[in-house]
Amino acid sequence: MRIEADTDVCIGAGQCVLTDPTVFDQHDDGIVMLITKHPEGGAAHRAREAVELCPSGALSLIEEPGDS
């Protein structure tokens, strides 16, 4: 699984960072910044949750070959 963030769509709500600060951070202007694009284990579960919670739809999940 890979996470992608559309910084042009991000509104800086910060829900992703609150959901998993090991995967997501914010630039000084509040726009999402990915710490990792390939979270594993519990971080992968929380990243999925963050994608669902994102109010602007700026986050997306890309399933990759071999993902369980």
N, C-alpha and C. Protein backbone atom coordinates (compact mmCIF):
# COMPACT_ATOMS: atom_id res chain seq x y z
N MET A 1 0.84 -1.18 0.00
CA MET A 1 0.00 0.00 0.00
C MET A 1 0.89 1.24 0.00
N ARG A 2 0.43 2.21 -0.77
CA ARG A 2 1.15 3.49 -0.84
C ARG A 2 0.14 4.61 -0.57
N ILE A 3 0.56 5.60 0.19
CA ILE A 3 -0.26 6.78 0.46
C ILE A 3 0.16 7.89 -0.49
N GLU A 4 -0.81 8.61 -1.02
CA GLU A 4 -0.52 9.80 -1.81
C GLU A 4 -1.29 10.97 -1.22
N ALA A 5 -0.69 12.14 -1.31
CA ALA A 5 -1.32 13.35 -0.79
C ALA A 5 -1.33 14.42 -1.88
N ASP A 6 -2.50 14.98 -2.13
CA ASP A 6 -2.65 16.06 -3.10
C ASP A 6 -2.59 17.38 -2.34
N THR A 7 -1.44 18.01 -2.37
CA THR A 7 -1.26 19.24 -1.59
C THR A 7 -2.08 20.41 -2.15
N ASP A 8 -2.53 20.31 -3.39
CA ASP A 8 -3.38 21.35 -3.95
C ASP A 8 -4.81 21.27 -3.40
N VAL A 9 -5.19 20.11 -2.90
CA VAL A 9 -6.55 19.89 -2.38
C VAL A 9 -6.58 20.03 -0.86
N CYS A 10 -5.47 19.77 -0.18
CA CYS A 10 -5.39 19.81 1.28
C CYS A 10 -5.82 21.17 1.82
N ILE A 11 -6.65 21.14 2.87
CA ILE A 11 -7.10 22.38 3.51
C ILE A 11 -6.44 22.59 4.87
N GLY A 12 -5.53 21.70 5.25
CA GLY A 12 -4.79 21.86 6.50
C GLY A 12 -5.57 21.57 7.76
N ALA A 13 -6.57 20.71 7.68
CA ALA A 13 -7.38 20.38 8.85
C ALA A 13 -6.58 19.63 9.91
N GLY A 14 -5.59 18.85 9.50
CA GLY A 14 -4.73 18.15 10.45
C GLY A 14 -5.25 16.84 10.98
N GLN A 15 -6.38 16.36 10.48
CA GLN A 15 -6.92 15.08 10.95
C GLN A 15 -5.94 13.93 10.72
N CYS A 16 -5.20 14.00 9.62
CA CYS A 16 -4.24 12.94 9.32
C CYS A 16 -3.13 12.89 10.37
N VAL A 17 -2.62 14.04 10.75
CA VAL A 17 -1.55 14.11 11.74
C VAL A 17 -2.06 13.62 13.09
N LEU A 18 -3.27 13.99 13.44
CA LEU A 18 -3.84 13.53 14.70
C LEU A 18 -4.06 12.02 14.69
N THR A 19 -4.36 11.46 13.53
CA THR A 19 -4.60 10.02 13.41
C THR A 19 -3.30 9.23 13.46
N ASP A 20 -2.25 9.72 12.80
CA ASP A 20 -0.95 9.03 12.87
C ASP A 20 0.20 9.97 12.54
N PRO A 21 0.80 10.54 13.58
CA PRO A 21 1.93 11.46 13.37
C PRO A 21 3.22 10.76 12.94
N THR A 22 3.22 9.43 12.85
CA THR A 22 4.39 8.74 12.32
C THR A 22 4.34 8.64 10.79
N VAL A 23 3.18 8.91 10.21
CA VAL A 23 3.00 8.84 8.76
C VAL A 23 2.82 10.24 8.16
N PHE A 24 2.12 11.12 8.89
CA PHE A 24 1.75 12.43 8.37
C PHE A 24 2.32 13.55 9.24
N ASP A 25 2.63 14.65 8.60
CA ASP A 25 3.02 15.88 9.28
C ASP A 25 2.45 17.03 8.47
N GLN A 26 2.67 18.25 8.94
CA GLN A 26 2.19 19.42 8.21
C GLN A 26 3.33 20.41 8.04
N HIS A 27 3.39 21.03 6.86
CA HIS A 27 4.33 22.13 6.62
C HIS A 27 3.89 23.32 7.47
N ASP A 28 4.69 24.34 7.54
CA ASP A 28 4.36 25.53 8.33
C ASP A 28 3.03 26.16 7.91
N ASP A 29 2.65 25.99 6.65
CA ASP A 29 1.38 26.55 6.17
C ASP A 29 0.19 25.62 6.43
N GLY A 30 0.44 24.48 7.10
CA GLY A 30 -0.63 23.56 7.47
C GLY A 30 -0.89 22.47 6.45
N ILE A 31 -0.26 22.53 5.30
CA ILE A 31 -0.51 21.55 4.24
C ILE A 31 0.19 20.23 4.58
N VAL A 32 -0.49 19.14 4.26
CA VAL A 32 -0.01 17.79 4.58
C VAL A 32 1.37 17.51 3.98
N MET A 33 2.15 16.76 4.74
CA MET A 33 3.46 16.29 4.30
C MET A 33 3.56 14.84 4.73
N LEU A 34 3.95 13.97 3.83
CA LEU A 34 4.09 12.55 4.16
C LEU A 34 5.47 12.28 4.73
N ILE A 35 5.51 11.60 5.86
CA ILE A 35 6.77 11.16 6.46
C ILE A 35 7.19 9.87 5.79
N THR A 36 6.22 9.01 5.51
CA THR A 36 6.46 7.78 4.76
C THR A 36 5.31 7.56 3.80
N LYS A 37 5.59 7.03 2.63
CA LYS A 37 4.55 6.71 1.66
C LYS A 37 4.11 5.26 1.77
N HIS A 38 4.87 4.45 2.51
CA HIS A 38 4.59 3.02 2.61
C HIS A 38 4.52 2.59 4.07
N PRO A 39 3.45 2.97 4.79
CA PRO A 39 3.34 2.57 6.19
C PRO A 39 3.10 1.07 6.32
N GLU A 40 3.56 0.51 7.41
CA GLU A 40 3.41 -0.92 7.66
C GLU A 40 2.78 -1.16 9.02
N GLY A 41 2.22 -2.35 9.20
CA GLY A 41 1.66 -2.75 10.48
C GLY A 41 0.55 -1.83 10.94
N GLY A 42 0.62 -1.44 12.22
CA GLY A 42 -0.40 -0.56 12.80
C GLY A 42 -0.48 0.79 12.11
N ALA A 43 0.67 1.28 11.64
CA ALA A 43 0.67 2.56 10.93
C ALA A 43 -0.14 2.47 9.65
N ALA A 44 -0.11 1.33 8.98
CA ALA A 44 -0.90 1.15 7.76
C ALA A 44 -2.39 1.21 8.08
N HIS A 45 -2.78 0.60 9.18
CA HIS A 45 -4.19 0.63 9.59
C HIS A 45 -4.61 2.07 9.89
N ARG A 46 -3.79 2.79 10.64
CA ARG A 46 -4.12 4.18 10.98
C ARG A 46 -4.09 5.07 9.76
N ALA A 47 -3.20 4.79 8.81
CA ALA A 47 -3.16 5.58 7.57
C ALA A 47 -4.45 5.41 6.78
N ARG A 48 -4.96 4.19 6.74
CA ARG A 48 -6.25 3.95 6.07
C ARG A 48 -7.36 4.78 6.74
N GLU A 49 -7.32 4.81 8.05
CA GLU A 49 -8.31 5.59 8.80
C GLU A 49 -8.16 7.08 8.47
N ALA A 50 -6.94 7.56 8.39
CA ALA A 50 -6.69 8.97 8.08
C ALA A 50 -7.24 9.33 6.71
N VAL A 51 -7.08 8.44 5.74
CA VAL A 51 -7.60 8.68 4.39
C VAL A 51 -9.12 8.84 4.45
N GLU A 52 -9.78 8.00 5.23
CA GLU A 52 -11.23 8.08 5.37
C GLU A 52 -11.67 9.35 6.08
N LEU A 53 -10.87 9.83 7.03
CA LEU A 53 -11.23 11.00 7.83
C LEU A 53 -10.93 12.33 7.14
N CYS A 54 -10.08 12.32 6.14
CA CYS A 54 -9.64 13.57 5.50
C CYS A 54 -10.83 14.34 4.94
N PRO A 55 -11.12 15.54 5.48
CA PRO A 55 -12.32 16.27 5.05
C PRO A 55 -12.23 16.81 3.62
N SER A 56 -11.03 16.98 3.09
CA SER A 56 -10.91 17.53 1.73
C SER A 56 -10.72 16.45 0.67
N GLY A 57 -10.46 15.21 1.10
CA GLY A 57 -10.20 14.15 0.13
C GLY A 57 -8.82 14.24 -0.48
N ALA A 58 -7.89 14.90 0.20
CA ALA A 58 -6.54 15.08 -0.32
C ALA A 58 -5.69 13.83 -0.25
N LEU A 59 -6.10 12.87 0.56
CA LEU A 59 -5.32 11.65 0.74
C LEU A 59 -5.94 10.49 -0.03
N SER A 60 -5.08 9.64 -0.56
CA SER A 60 -5.58 8.44 -1.24
C SER A 60 -4.64 7.27 -0.98
N LEU A 61 -5.21 6.07 -1.10
CA LEU A 61 -4.47 4.82 -0.94
C LEU A 61 -4.32 4.17 -2.29
N ILE A 62 -3.15 3.68 -2.55
CA ILE A 62 -2.89 2.93 -3.78
C ILE A 62 -2.48 1.54 -3.35
N GLU A 63 -3.30 0.55 -3.69
CA GLU A 63 -2.94 -0.84 -3.38
C GLU A 63 -1.91 -1.29 -4.40
N GLU A 64 -0.88 -1.95 -3.93
CA GLU A 64 0.21 -2.39 -4.79
C GLU A 64 0.27 -3.92 -4.82
N PRO A 65 0.84 -4.49 -5.85
CA PRO A 65 0.98 -5.94 -5.92
C PRO A 65 1.67 -6.48 -4.66
N GLY A 66 1.12 -7.54 -4.13
CA GLY A 66 1.68 -8.14 -2.93
C GLY A 66 1.08 -7.62 -1.64
N ASP A 67 0.22 -6.58 -1.72
CA ASP A 67 -0.45 -6.08 -0.51
C ASP A 67 -1.42 -7.12 -0.01
N SER A 68 -1.49 -7.25 1.28
CA SER A 68 -2.43 -8.20 1.89
C SER A 68 -3.69 -7.51 2.29
